[in-house]
Full PDB file with SEQRES, HELIX, SHEET, SSBOND, CRYST1, ORIGX, SCALE, CONECT and MASTER records, all heavy atoms in Angstrom:
SEQRES   1 A   41  GLU SER ALA ARG ILE GLY ASP ALA LEU ASP ALA TYR ASP          
SEQRES   2 A   41  MET ARG ALA ILE VAL GLY ILE LEU HIS VAL PRO ALA TRP          
SEQRES   3 A   41  ASP ASN ARG VAL ILE VAL GLY PHE ASP ARG ASP PHE VAL          
SEQRES   4 A   41  TYR THR                                                      
HELIX    1 AA1 ILE A    5  ASP A   10  1                                   6    
HELIX    2 AA2 PRO A   24  TRP A   26  5                                   3    
HELIX    3 AA3 ARG A   36  TYR A   40  1                                   5    
SHEET    1 AA1 2 ALA A  16  VAL A  23  0                                        
SHEET    2 AA1 2 ASN A  28  ASP A  35 -1                                        
CRYST1    1.000    1.000    1.000  90.00  90.00  90.00 P 1           1          
ORIGX1      1.000000  0.000000  0.000000        0.00000                         
ORIGX2      0.000000  1.000000  0.000000        0.00000                         
ORIGX3      0.000000  0.000000  1.000000        0.00000                         
SCALE1      1.000000  0.000000  0.000000        0.00000                         
SCALE2      0.000000  1.000000  0.000000        0.00000                         
SCALE3      0.000000  0.000000  1.000000        0.00000                         
ATOM      1  N   GLU A   1     107.336  80.272 100.101  1.00  0.00           N  
ATOM      2  CA  GLU A   1     106.449  80.627  98.919  1.00  0.00           C  
ATOM      3  C   GLU A   1     107.128  81.832  98.151  1.00  0.00           C  
ATOM      4  O   GLU A   1     107.915  82.602  98.672  1.00  0.00           O  
ATOM      5  CB  GLU A   1     105.066  80.991  99.291  1.00  0.00           C  
ATOM      6  CG  GLU A   1     104.954  82.095 100.251  1.00  0.00           C  
ATOM      7  CD  GLU A   1     103.555  82.350 100.681  1.00  0.00           C  
ATOM      8  OE1 GLU A   1     102.766  81.496 100.676  1.00  0.00           O  
ATOM      9  OE2 GLU A   1     103.235  83.496 100.973  1.00  0.00           O  
ATOM     10  N   SER A   2     106.783  82.013  96.881  1.00  0.00           N  
ATOM     11  CA  SER A   2     107.159  83.078  96.164  1.00  0.00           C  
ATOM     12  C   SER A   2     106.111  84.132  96.253  1.00  0.00           C  
ATOM     13  O   SER A   2     104.879  83.913  96.188  1.00  0.00           O  
ATOM     14  CB  SER A   2     107.422  82.646  94.635  1.00  0.00           C  
ATOM     15  OG  SER A   2     108.444  81.606  94.596  1.00  0.00           O  
ATOM     16  N   ALA A   3     106.521  85.430  96.285  1.00  0.00           N  
ATOM     17  CA  ALA A   3     105.515  86.486  96.325  1.00  0.00           C  
ATOM     18  C   ALA A   3     106.224  87.820  95.974  1.00  0.00           C  
ATOM     19  O   ALA A   3     107.440  87.981  95.949  1.00  0.00           O  
ATOM     20  CB  ALA A   3     104.958  86.555  97.646  1.00  0.00           C  
ATOM     21  N   ARG A   4     105.539  88.772  95.525  1.00  0.00           N  
ATOM     22  CA  ARG A   4     105.994  90.151  95.373  1.00  0.00           C  
ATOM     23  C   ARG A   4     106.350  90.721  96.700  1.00  0.00           C  
ATOM     24  O   ARG A   4     105.511  90.442  97.669  1.00  0.00           O  
ATOM     25  CB  ARG A   4     104.996  90.993  94.642  1.00  0.00           C  
ATOM     26  CG  ARG A   4     104.950  90.494  93.069  1.00  0.00           C  
ATOM     27  CD  ARG A   4     104.004  91.482  92.421  1.00  0.00           C  
ATOM     28  NE  ARG A   4     103.681  90.864  91.068  1.00  0.00           N  
ATOM     29  CZ  ARG A   4     104.445  91.117  89.944  1.00  0.00           C  
ATOM     30  NH1 ARG A   4     105.453  91.983  90.168  1.00  0.00           N  
ATOM     31  NH2 ARG A   4     104.140  90.713  88.891  1.00  0.00           N  
ATOM     32  N   ILE A   5     107.358  91.483  96.895  1.00  0.00           N  
ATOM     33  CA  ILE A   5     107.673  92.044  98.149  1.00  0.00           C  
ATOM     34  C   ILE A   5     106.576  92.763  98.834  1.00  0.00           C  
ATOM     35  O   ILE A   5     106.196  92.784 100.004  1.00  0.00           O  
ATOM     36  CB  ILE A   5     108.924  92.992  98.055  1.00  0.00           C  
ATOM     37  CG1 ILE A   5     110.198  92.082  97.574  1.00  0.00           C  
ATOM     38  CG2 ILE A   5     109.246  93.677  99.313  1.00  0.00           C  
ATOM     39  CD1 ILE A   5     111.435  92.936  97.337  1.00  0.00           C  
ATOM     40  N   GLY A   6     105.857  93.666  98.031  1.00  0.00           N  
ATOM     41  CA  GLY A   6     104.760  94.448  98.515  1.00  0.00           C  
ATOM     42  C   GLY A   6     103.673  93.618  99.065  1.00  0.00           C  
ATOM     43  O   GLY A   6     103.094  93.909 100.107  1.00  0.00           O  
ATOM     44  N   ASP A   7     103.353  92.588  98.343  1.00  0.00           N  
ATOM     45  CA  ASP A   7     102.145  91.619  98.697  1.00  0.00           C  
ATOM     46  C   ASP A   7     102.497  91.002 100.012  1.00  0.00           C  
ATOM     47  O   ASP A   7     101.768  90.819 100.933  1.00  0.00           O  
ATOM     48  CB  ASP A   7     101.883  90.659  97.702  1.00  0.00           C  
ATOM     49  CG  ASP A   7     101.249  91.376  96.384  1.00  0.00           C  
ATOM     50  OD1 ASP A   7     100.805  92.374  96.519  1.00  0.00           O  
ATOM     51  OD2 ASP A   7     101.393  90.696  95.295  1.00  0.00           O  
ATOM     52  N   ALA A   8     103.913  90.548 100.164  1.00  0.00           N  
ATOM     53  CA  ALA A   8     104.291  89.872 101.311  1.00  0.00           C  
ATOM     54  C   ALA A   8     104.085  90.757 102.510  1.00  0.00           C  
ATOM     55  O   ALA A   8     103.694  90.347 103.689  1.00  0.00           O  
ATOM     56  CB  ALA A   8     105.653  89.328 101.202  1.00  0.00           C  
ATOM     57  N   LEU A   9     104.559  92.077 102.367  1.00  0.00           N  
ATOM     58  CA  LEU A   9     104.550  92.916 103.545  1.00  0.00           C  
ATOM     59  C   LEU A   9     103.082  93.392 103.814  1.00  0.00           C  
ATOM     60  O   LEU A   9     102.742  93.589 105.037  1.00  0.00           O  
ATOM     61  CB  LEU A   9     105.349  94.209 103.257  1.00  0.00           C  
ATOM     62  CG  LEU A   9     106.916  93.826 103.159  1.00  0.00           C  
ATOM     63  CD1 LEU A   9     107.738  95.220 102.789  1.00  0.00           C  
ATOM     64  CD2 LEU A   9     107.397  93.341 104.437  1.00  0.00           C  
ATOM     65  N   ASP A  10     102.345  93.738 102.810  1.00  0.00           N  
ATOM     66  CA  ASP A  10     100.968  94.065 103.154  1.00  0.00           C  
ATOM     67  C   ASP A  10     100.068  93.190 103.874  1.00  0.00           C  
ATOM     68  O   ASP A  10      99.217  93.592 104.596  1.00  0.00           O  
ATOM     69  CB  ASP A  10     100.255  94.421 101.650  1.00  0.00           C  
ATOM     70  CG  ASP A  10     100.870  95.632 101.030  1.00  0.00           C  
ATOM     71  OD1 ASP A  10     101.513  96.454 101.682  1.00  0.00           O  
ATOM     72  OD2 ASP A  10     100.510  95.764  99.805  1.00  0.00           O  
ATOM     73  N   ALA A  11     100.378  91.867 103.801  1.00  0.00           N  
ATOM     74  CA  ALA A  11      99.710  90.941 104.647  1.00  0.00           C  
ATOM     75  C   ALA A  11      99.849  91.131 106.173  1.00  0.00           C  
ATOM     76  O   ALA A  11      99.091  90.647 106.833  1.00  0.00           O  
ATOM     77  CB  ALA A  11     100.163  89.484 104.189  1.00  0.00           C  
ATOM     78  N   TYR A  12     100.895  91.859 106.539  1.00  0.00           N  
ATOM     79  CA  TYR A  12     101.179  92.134 107.849  1.00  0.00           C  
ATOM     80  C   TYR A  12     100.996  93.703 108.299  1.00  0.00           C  
ATOM     81  O   TYR A  12     101.430  93.989 109.463  1.00  0.00           O  
ATOM     82  CB  TYR A  12     102.616  91.694 108.238  1.00  0.00           C  
ATOM     83  CG  TYR A  12     102.820  90.250 107.997  1.00  0.00           C  
ATOM     84  CD1 TYR A  12     103.335  89.687 106.836  1.00  0.00           C  
ATOM     85  CD2 TYR A  12     102.614  89.327 109.107  1.00  0.00           C  
ATOM     86  CE1 TYR A  12     103.499  88.264 106.740  1.00  0.00           C  
ATOM     87  CE2 TYR A  12     102.836  87.993 108.940  1.00  0.00           C  
ATOM     88  CZ  TYR A  12     103.221  87.391 107.628  1.00  0.00           C  
ATOM     89  OH  TYR A  12     103.432  86.119 107.551  1.00  0.00           O  
ATOM     90  N   ASP A  13     100.490  94.391 107.462  1.00  0.00           N  
ATOM     91  CA  ASP A  13     100.283  95.844 107.702  1.00  0.00           C  
ATOM     92  C   ASP A  13      99.532  96.091 108.982  1.00  0.00           C  
ATOM     93  O   ASP A  13      98.569  95.492 109.256  1.00  0.00           O  
ATOM     94  CB  ASP A  13      99.697  96.471 106.466  1.00  0.00           C  
ATOM     95  CG  ASP A  13      99.810  98.046 106.622  1.00  0.00           C  
ATOM     96  OD1 ASP A  13     100.818  98.489 107.080  1.00  0.00           O  
ATOM     97  OD2 ASP A  13      98.930  98.670 106.211  1.00  0.00           O  
ATOM     98  N   MET A  14     100.096  96.917 109.886  1.00  0.00           N  
ATOM     99  CA  MET A  14      99.477  97.336 111.232  1.00  0.00           C  
ATOM    100  C   MET A  14      99.464  96.282 112.119  1.00  0.00           C  
ATOM    101  O   MET A  14      98.922  96.443 113.157  1.00  0.00           O  
ATOM    102  CB  MET A  14      98.046  97.876 110.864  1.00  0.00           C  
ATOM    103  CG  MET A  14      97.915  99.121 109.985  1.00  0.00           C  
ATOM    104  SD  MET A  14      98.911 100.514 110.430  1.00  0.00           S  
ATOM    105  CE  MET A  14      98.030 100.932 111.886  1.00  0.00           C  
ATOM    106  N   ARG A  15     100.264  95.110 111.952  1.00  0.00           N  
ATOM    107  CA  ARG A  15     100.133  94.030 112.871  1.00  0.00           C  
ATOM    108  C   ARG A  15     101.494  93.411 113.094  1.00  0.00           C  
ATOM    109  O   ARG A  15     101.643  92.242 113.459  1.00  0.00           O  
ATOM    110  CB  ARG A  15      99.133  93.010 112.712  1.00  0.00           C  
ATOM    111  CG  ARG A  15      99.364  92.172 111.385  1.00  0.00           C  
ATOM    112  CD  ARG A  15      98.079  91.321 111.161  1.00  0.00           C  
ATOM    113  NE  ARG A  15      98.383  90.387 109.964  1.00  0.00           N  
ATOM    114  CZ  ARG A  15      98.836  89.192 110.233  1.00  0.00           C  
ATOM    115  NH1 ARG A  15      99.245  88.653 111.329  1.00  0.00           N  
ATOM    116  NH2 ARG A  15      98.988  88.435 109.084  1.00  0.00           N  
ATOM    117  N   ALA A  16     102.619  94.110 112.579  1.00  0.00           N  
ATOM    118  CA  ALA A  16     103.950  93.501 112.661  1.00  0.00           C  
ATOM    119  C   ALA A  16     104.970  94.634 112.763  1.00  0.00           C  
ATOM    120  O   ALA A  16     104.669  95.826 112.551  1.00  0.00           O  
ATOM    121  CB  ALA A  16     104.241  92.602 111.450  1.00  0.00           C  
ATOM    122  N   ILE A  17     106.184  94.128 113.151  1.00  0.00           N  
ATOM    123  CA  ILE A  17     107.285  94.941 113.142  1.00  0.00           C  
ATOM    124  C   ILE A  17     108.309  94.298 112.400  1.00  0.00           C  
ATOM    125  O   ILE A  17     108.499  92.995 112.340  1.00  0.00           O  
ATOM    126  CB  ILE A  17     107.952  95.328 114.559  1.00  0.00           C  
ATOM    127  CG1 ILE A  17     109.104  96.283 114.427  1.00  0.00           C  
ATOM    128  CG2 ILE A  17     108.273  94.070 115.373  1.00  0.00           C  
ATOM    129  CD1 ILE A  17     109.591  96.774 115.812  1.00  0.00           C  
ATOM    130  N   VAL A  18     109.115  94.996 111.488  1.00  0.00           N  
ATOM    131  CA  VAL A  18     110.154  94.304 110.621  1.00  0.00           C  
ATOM    132  C   VAL A  18     111.524  94.981 110.929  1.00  0.00           C  
ATOM    133  O   VAL A  18     111.505  96.113 111.298  1.00  0.00           O  
ATOM    134  CB  VAL A  18     109.677  94.453 109.089  1.00  0.00           C  
ATOM    135  CG1 VAL A  18     108.352  93.740 108.821  1.00  0.00           C  
ATOM    136  CG2 VAL A  18     109.719  95.924 108.617  1.00  0.00           C  
ATOM    137  N   GLY A  19     112.517  94.059 110.602  1.00  0.00           N  
ATOM    138  CA  GLY A  19     113.897  94.579 110.617  1.00  0.00           C  
ATOM    139  C   GLY A  19     114.452  94.472 109.293  1.00  0.00           C  
ATOM    140  O   GLY A  19     114.202  93.393 108.622  1.00  0.00           O  
ATOM    141  N   ILE A  20     115.229  95.510 108.980  1.00  0.00           N  
ATOM    142  CA  ILE A  20     116.010  95.386 107.595  1.00  0.00           C  
ATOM    143  C   ILE A  20     117.371  94.939 107.934  1.00  0.00           C  
ATOM    144  O   ILE A  20     118.095  95.502 108.699  1.00  0.00           O  
ATOM    145  CB  ILE A  20     116.021  96.716 106.971  1.00  0.00           C  
ATOM    146  CG1 ILE A  20     114.606  97.312 107.037  1.00  0.00           C  
ATOM    147  CG2 ILE A  20     116.649  96.621 105.596  1.00  0.00           C  
ATOM    148  CD1 ILE A  20     113.601  96.524 106.190  1.00  0.00           C  
ATOM    149  N   LEU A  21     117.907  93.839 107.222  1.00  0.00           N  
ATOM    150  CA  LEU A  21     119.204  93.326 107.341  1.00  0.00           C  
ATOM    151  C   LEU A  21     119.923  93.561 106.051  1.00  0.00           C  
ATOM    152  O   LEU A  21     119.441  93.239 105.049  1.00  0.00           O  
ATOM    153  CB  LEU A  21     119.150  91.761 107.645  1.00  0.00           C  
ATOM    154  CG  LEU A  21     118.200  91.252 108.781  1.00  0.00           C  
ATOM    155  CD1 LEU A  21     118.496  89.859 108.950  1.00  0.00           C  
ATOM    156  CD2 LEU A  21     118.557  92.023 110.027  1.00  0.00           C  
ATOM    157  N   HIS A  22     121.159  94.069 106.246  1.00  0.00           N  
ATOM    158  CA  HIS A  22     122.039  94.347 105.047  1.00  0.00           C  
ATOM    159  C   HIS A  22     122.897  93.148 104.888  1.00  0.00           C  
ATOM    160  O   HIS A  22     123.509  92.720 105.850  1.00  0.00           O  
ATOM    161  CB  HIS A  22     122.839  95.601 105.235  1.00  0.00           C  
ATOM    162  CG  HIS A  22     123.620  96.002 104.039  1.00  0.00           C  
ATOM    163  ND1 HIS A  22     124.846  96.690 104.131  1.00  0.00           N  
ATOM    164  CD2 HIS A  22     123.489  95.855 102.734  1.00  0.00           C  
ATOM    165  CE1 HIS A  22     125.364  96.925 102.972  1.00  0.00           C  
ATOM    166  NE2 HIS A  22     124.555  96.381 102.084  1.00  0.00           N  
ATOM    167  N   VAL A  23     123.004  92.757 103.684  1.00  0.00           N  
ATOM    168  CA  VAL A  23     123.884  91.507 103.234  1.00  0.00           C  
ATOM    169  C   VAL A  23     124.842  92.115 102.155  1.00  0.00           C  
ATOM    170  O   VAL A  23     124.565  91.999 101.035  1.00  0.00           O  
ATOM    171  CB  VAL A  23     123.142  90.372 102.753  1.00  0.00           C  
ATOM    172  CG1 VAL A  23     124.070  89.091 102.643  1.00  0.00           C  
ATOM    173  CG2 VAL A  23     121.966  90.007 103.756  1.00  0.00           C  
ATOM    174  N   PRO A  24     126.131  92.748 102.543  1.00  0.00           N  
ATOM    175  CA  PRO A  24     126.928  93.279 101.609  1.00  0.00           C  
ATOM    176  C   PRO A  24     127.370  92.380 100.544  1.00  0.00           C  
ATOM    177  O   PRO A  24     127.564  92.834  99.359  1.00  0.00           O  
ATOM    178  CB  PRO A  24     128.140  93.736 102.440  1.00  0.00           C  
ATOM    179  CG  PRO A  24     127.520  93.983 103.847  1.00  0.00           C  
ATOM    180  CD  PRO A  24     126.428  92.847 103.921  1.00  0.00           C  
ATOM    181  N   ALA A  25     127.650  91.159 100.913  1.00  0.00           N  
ATOM    182  CA  ALA A  25     128.116  90.156  99.886  1.00  0.00           C  
ATOM    183  C   ALA A  25     127.183  89.891  98.735  1.00  0.00           C  
ATOM    184  O   ALA A  25     127.482  89.514  97.663  1.00  0.00           O  
ATOM    185  CB  ALA A  25     128.521  88.876 100.552  1.00  0.00           C  
ATOM    186  N   TRP A  26     125.771  90.147  98.996  1.00  0.00           N  
ATOM    187  CA  TRP A  26     124.711  89.972  98.057  1.00  0.00           C  
ATOM    188  C   TRP A  26     124.383  91.377  97.460  1.00  0.00           C  
ATOM    189  O   TRP A  26     123.573  91.357  96.430  1.00  0.00           O  
ATOM    190  CB  TRP A  26     123.501  89.410  98.756  1.00  0.00           C  
ATOM    191  CG  TRP A  26     123.696  88.085  99.247  1.00  0.00           C  
ATOM    192  CD1 TRP A  26     124.754  87.157  99.161  1.00  0.00           C  
ATOM    193  CD2 TRP A  26     122.692  87.305  99.986  1.00  0.00           C  
ATOM    194  NE1 TRP A  26     124.456  86.028  99.692  1.00  0.00           N  
ATOM    195  CE2 TRP A  26     123.249  86.010 100.299  1.00  0.00           C  
ATOM    196  CE3 TRP A  26     121.395  87.548 100.361  1.00  0.00           C  
ATOM    197  CZ2 TRP A  26     122.451  84.960 100.995  1.00  0.00           C  
ATOM    198  CZ3 TRP A  26     120.614  86.635 101.169  1.00  0.00           C  
ATOM    199  CH2 TRP A  26     121.231  85.384 101.285  1.00  0.00           C  
ATOM    200  N   ASP A  27     124.963  92.555  98.013  1.00  0.00           N  
ATOM    201  CA  ASP A  27     124.508  93.803  97.509  1.00  0.00           C  
ATOM    202  C   ASP A  27     123.049  93.913  97.570  1.00  0.00           C  
ATOM    203  O   ASP A  27     122.423  94.400  96.655  1.00  0.00           O  
ATOM    204  CB  ASP A  27     125.127  94.011  96.043  1.00  0.00           C  
ATOM    205  CG  ASP A  27     124.951  95.594  95.665  1.00  0.00           C  
ATOM    206  OD1 ASP A  27     124.799  96.340  96.590  1.00  0.00           O  
ATOM    207  OD2 ASP A  27     124.808  95.795  94.376  1.00  0.00           O  
ATOM    208  N   ASN A  28     122.515  93.451  98.701  1.00  0.00           N  
ATOM    209  CA  ASN A  28     121.087  93.343  98.864  1.00  0.00           C  
ATOM    210  C   ASN A  28     120.679  93.539 100.379  1.00  0.00           C  
ATOM    211  O   ASN A  28     121.527  93.459 101.148  1.00  0.00           O  
ATOM    212  CB  ASN A  28     120.507  92.108  98.239  1.00  0.00           C  
ATOM    213  CG  ASN A  28     119.269  92.268  97.437  1.00  0.00           C  
ATOM    214  OD1 ASN A  28     118.421  93.041  97.800  1.00  0.00           O  
ATOM    215  ND2 ASN A  28     119.408  91.875  96.222  1.00  0.00           N  
ATOM    216  N   ARG A  29     119.344  93.518 100.532  1.00  0.00           N  
ATOM    217  CA  ARG A  29     118.845  93.628 101.915  1.00  0.00           C  
ATOM    218  C   ARG A  29     117.649  92.561 101.991  1.00  0.00           C  
ATOM    219  O   ARG A  29     117.081  92.214 101.107  1.00  0.00           O  
ATOM    220  CB  ARG A  29     118.277  94.988 102.348  1.00  0.00           C  
ATOM    221  CG  ARG A  29     119.453  95.914 102.531  1.00  0.00           C  
ATOM    222  CD  ARG A  29     118.972  97.399 102.570  1.00  0.00           C  
ATOM    223  NE  ARG A  29     120.091  98.269 103.107  1.00  0.00           N  
ATOM    224  CZ  ARG A  29     121.022  98.661 102.249  1.00  0.00           C  
ATOM    225  NH1 ARG A  29     121.020  98.319 100.984  1.00  0.00           N  
ATOM    226  NH2 ARG A  29     121.994  99.492 102.742  1.00  0.00           N  
ATOM    227  N   VAL A  30     117.544  92.066 103.252  1.00  0.00           N  
ATOM    228  CA  VAL A  30     116.517  91.059 103.576  1.00  0.00           C  
ATOM    229  C   VAL A  30     115.587  91.593 104.745  1.00  0.00           C  
ATOM    230  O   VAL A  30     116.129  92.353 105.553  1.00  0.00           O  
ATOM    231  CB  VAL A  30     117.337  89.754 104.158  1.00  0.00           C  
ATOM    232  CG1 VAL A  30     116.273  88.761 104.720  1.00  0.00           C  
ATOM    233  CG2 VAL A  30     118.050  89.113 102.955  1.00  0.00           C  
ATOM    234  N   ILE A  31     114.428  91.214 104.723  1.00  0.00           N  
ATOM    235  CA  ILE A  31     113.382  91.750 105.626  1.00  0.00           C  
ATOM    236  C   ILE A  31     113.024  90.652 106.619  1.00  0.00           C  
ATOM    237  O   ILE A  31     112.790  89.477 106.049  1.00  0.00           O  
ATOM    238  CB  ILE A  31     112.070  92.255 104.940  1.00  0.00           C  
ATOM    239  CG1 ILE A  31     112.518  93.447 104.011  1.00  0.00           C  
ATOM    240  CG2 ILE A  31     111.173  92.587 106.071  1.00  0.00           C  
ATOM    241  CD1 ILE A  31     111.327  93.880 103.307  1.00  0.00           C  
ATOM    242  N   VAL A  32     113.162  90.865 107.887  1.00  0.00           N  
ATOM    243  CA  VAL A  32     112.733  89.921 108.862  1.00  0.00           C  
ATOM    244  C   VAL A  32     111.466  90.532 109.562  1.00  0.00           C  
ATOM    245  O   VAL A  32     111.653  91.692 109.961  1.00  0.00           O  
ATOM    246  CB  VAL A  32     113.708  89.490 109.911  1.00  0.00           C  
ATOM    247  CG1 VAL A  32     113.244  88.575 110.911  1.00  0.00           C  
ATOM    248  CG2 VAL A  32     114.966  88.758 109.082  1.00  0.00           C  
ATOM    249  N   GLY A  33     110.419  89.834 109.886  1.00  0.00           N  
ATOM    250  CA  GLY A  33     109.326  90.398 110.581  1.00  0.00           C  
ATOM    251  C   GLY A  33     108.746  89.535 111.584  1.00  0.00           C  
ATOM    252  O   GLY A  33     108.904  88.295 111.648  1.00  0.00           O  
ATOM    253  N   PHE A  34     108.172  90.154 112.638  1.00  0.00           N  
ATOM    254  CA  PHE A  34     107.540  89.509 113.744  1.00  0.00           C  
ATOM    255  C   PHE A  34     106.115  90.153 113.962  1.00  0.00           C  
ATOM    256  O   PHE A  34     105.931  91.336 113.993  1.00  0.00           O  
ATOM    257  CB  PHE A  34     108.225  89.786 115.049  1.00  0.00           C  
ATOM    258  CG  PHE A  34     109.653  89.479 115.181  1.00  0.00           C  
ATOM    259  CD1 PHE A  34     110.576  90.320 115.723  1.00  0.00           C  
ATOM    260  CD2 PHE A  34     110.262  88.249 114.555  1.00  0.00           C  
ATOM    261  CE1 PHE A  34     111.976  89.897 115.737  1.00  0.00           C  
ATOM    262  CE2 PHE A  34     111.614  88.088 114.572  1.00  0.00           C  
ATOM    263  CZ  PHE A  34     112.464  88.982 115.172  1.00  0.00           C  
ATOM    264  N   ASP A  35     105.096  89.167 113.972  1.00  0.00           N  
ATOM    265  CA  ASP A  35     103.816  89.728 114.332  1.00  0.00           C  
ATOM    266  C   ASP A  35     103.659  90.085 115.752  1.00  0.00           C  
ATOM    267  O   ASP A  35     104.576  89.859 116.538  1.00  0.00           O  
ATOM    268  CB  ASP A  35     102.689  88.787 113.824  1.00  0.00           C  
ATOM    269  CG  ASP A  35     102.540  87.576 114.677  1.00  0.00           C  
ATOM    270  OD1 ASP A  35     103.289  87.416 115.603  1.00  0.00           O  
ATOM    271  OD2 ASP A  35     101.629  86.785 114.341  1.00  0.00           O  
ATOM    272  N   ARG A  36     102.629  90.733 116.173  1.00  0.00           N  
ATOM    273  CA  ARG A  36     102.439  91.338 117.556  1.00  0.00           C  
ATOM    274  C   ARG A  36     102.495  90.097 118.567  1.00  0.00           C  
ATOM    275  O   ARG A  36     103.157  90.315 119.675  1.00  0.00           O  
ATOM    276  CB  ARG A  36     101.165  92.083 117.636  1.00  0.00           C  
ATOM    277  CG  ARG A  36     101.212  93.425 116.816  1.00  0.00           C  
ATOM    278  CD  ARG A  36      99.827  94.131 117.040  1.00  0.00           C  
ATOM    279  NE  ARG A  36      99.963  95.391 116.320  1.00  0.00           N  
ATOM    280  CZ  ARG A  36     100.350  96.580 116.919  1.00  0.00           C  
ATOM    281  NH1 ARG A  36     100.914  96.552 118.095  1.00  0.00           N  
ATOM    282  NH2 ARG A  36     100.414  97.536 116.137  1.00  0.00           N  
ATOM    283  N   ASP A  37     101.814  89.024 118.248  1.00  0.00           N  
ATOM    284  CA  ASP A  37     101.745  87.892 119.156  1.00  0.00           C  
ATOM    285  C   ASP A  37     103.196  87.390 119.440  1.00  0.00           C  
ATOM    286  O   ASP A  37     103.515  86.971 120.455  1.00  0.00           O  
ATOM    287  CB  ASP A  37     100.987  86.734 118.595  1.00  0.00           C  
ATOM    288  CG  ASP A  37      99.360  87.176 118.714  1.00  0.00           C  
ATOM    289  OD1 ASP A  37      99.060  88.147 119.412  1.00  0.00           O  
ATOM    290  OD2 ASP A  37      98.678  86.611 117.964  1.00  0.00           O  
ATOM    291  N   PHE A  38     103.953  87.253 118.252  1.00  0.00           N  
ATOM    292  CA  PHE A  38     105.393  86.886 118.532  1.00  0.00           C  
ATOM    293  C   PHE A  38     106.199  87.915 119.588  1.00  0.00           C  
ATOM    294  O   PHE A  38     106.823  87.415 120.389  1.00  0.00           O  
ATOM    295  CB  PHE A  38     106.076  86.925 117.162  1.00  0.00           C  
ATOM    296  CG  PHE A  38     107.624  86.478 117.215  1.00  0.00           C  
ATOM    297  CD1 PHE A  38     107.882  85.315 116.715  1.00  0.00           C  
ATOM    298  CD2 PHE A  38     108.562  87.319 117.639  1.00  0.00           C  
ATOM    299  CE1 PHE A  38     109.171  84.749 116.648  1.00  0.00           C  
ATOM    300  CE2 PHE A  38     109.855  86.851 117.629  1.00  0.00           C  
ATOM    301  CZ  PHE A  38     110.196  85.625 117.039  1.00  0.00           C  
ATOM    302  N   VAL A  39     105.934  89.139 119.298  1.00  0.00           N  
ATOM    303  CA  VAL A  39     106.696  90.211 120.183  1.00  0.00           C  
ATOM    304  C   VAL A  39     106.236  90.056 121.628  1.00  0.00           C  
ATOM    305  O   VAL A  39     106.972  89.897 122.586  1.00  0.00           O  
ATOM    306  CB  VAL A  39     106.542  91.528 119.634  1.00  0.00           C  
ATOM    307  CG1 VAL A  39     107.089  92.539 120.669  1.00  0.00           C  
ATOM    308  CG2 VAL A  39     107.141  91.643 118.324  1.00  0.00           C  
ATOM    309  N   TYR A  40     104.891  90.000 121.856  1.00  0.00           N  
ATOM    310  CA  TYR A  40     104.229  89.799 123.150  1.00  0.00           C  
ATOM    311  C   TYR A  40     104.873  88.580 123.928  1.00  0.00           C  
ATOM    312  O   TYR A  40     105.182  88.735 125.023  1.00  0.00           O  
ATOM    313  CB  TYR A  40     102.729  89.896 123.154  1.00  0.00           C  
ATOM    314  CG  TYR A  40     102.152  91.004 122.550  1.00  0.00           C  
ATOM    315  CD1 TYR A  40     100.806  91.079 121.944  1.00  0.00           C  
ATOM    316  CD2 TYR A  40     102.712  92.342 122.592  1.00  0.00           C  
ATOM    317  CE1 TYR A  40     100.207  92.193 121.422  1.00  0.00           C  
ATOM    318  CE2 TYR A  40     102.171  93.418 122.121  1.00  0.00           C  
ATOM    319  CZ  TYR A  40     100.815  93.371 121.580  1.00  0.00           C  
ATOM    320  OH  TYR A  40     100.229  94.555 121.044  1.00  0.00           O  
ATOM    321  N   THR A  41     104.756  87.548 123.108  1.00  0.00           N  
ATOM    322  CA  THR A  41     105.278  86.238 123.775  1.00  0.00           C  
ATOM    323  C   THR A  41     106.763  86.225 124.207  1.00  0.00           C  
ATOM    324  O   THR A  41     107.113  85.795 125.254  1.00  0.00           O  
ATOM    325  CB  THR A  41     104.997  85.101 122.795  1.00  0.00           C  
ATOM    326  OG1 THR A  41     103.580  84.912 122.472  1.00  0.00           O  
ATOM    327  CG2 THR A  41     105.512  83.702 123.493  1.00  0.00           C  
TER     328      THR A  41                                                      
MASTER        0    0    0    3    2    0    0    6  327    1    0    4          
END                                                                             
């Protein structure tokens, strides 16, 4: 889906951990996140 970055992240506030990935060829960064159940499992 399409969303604003802040809205996408706020949906997981206090219940997830995210990793920042750098993509030099894109001159940009990507966010990957896992919710707590994902990490526990």
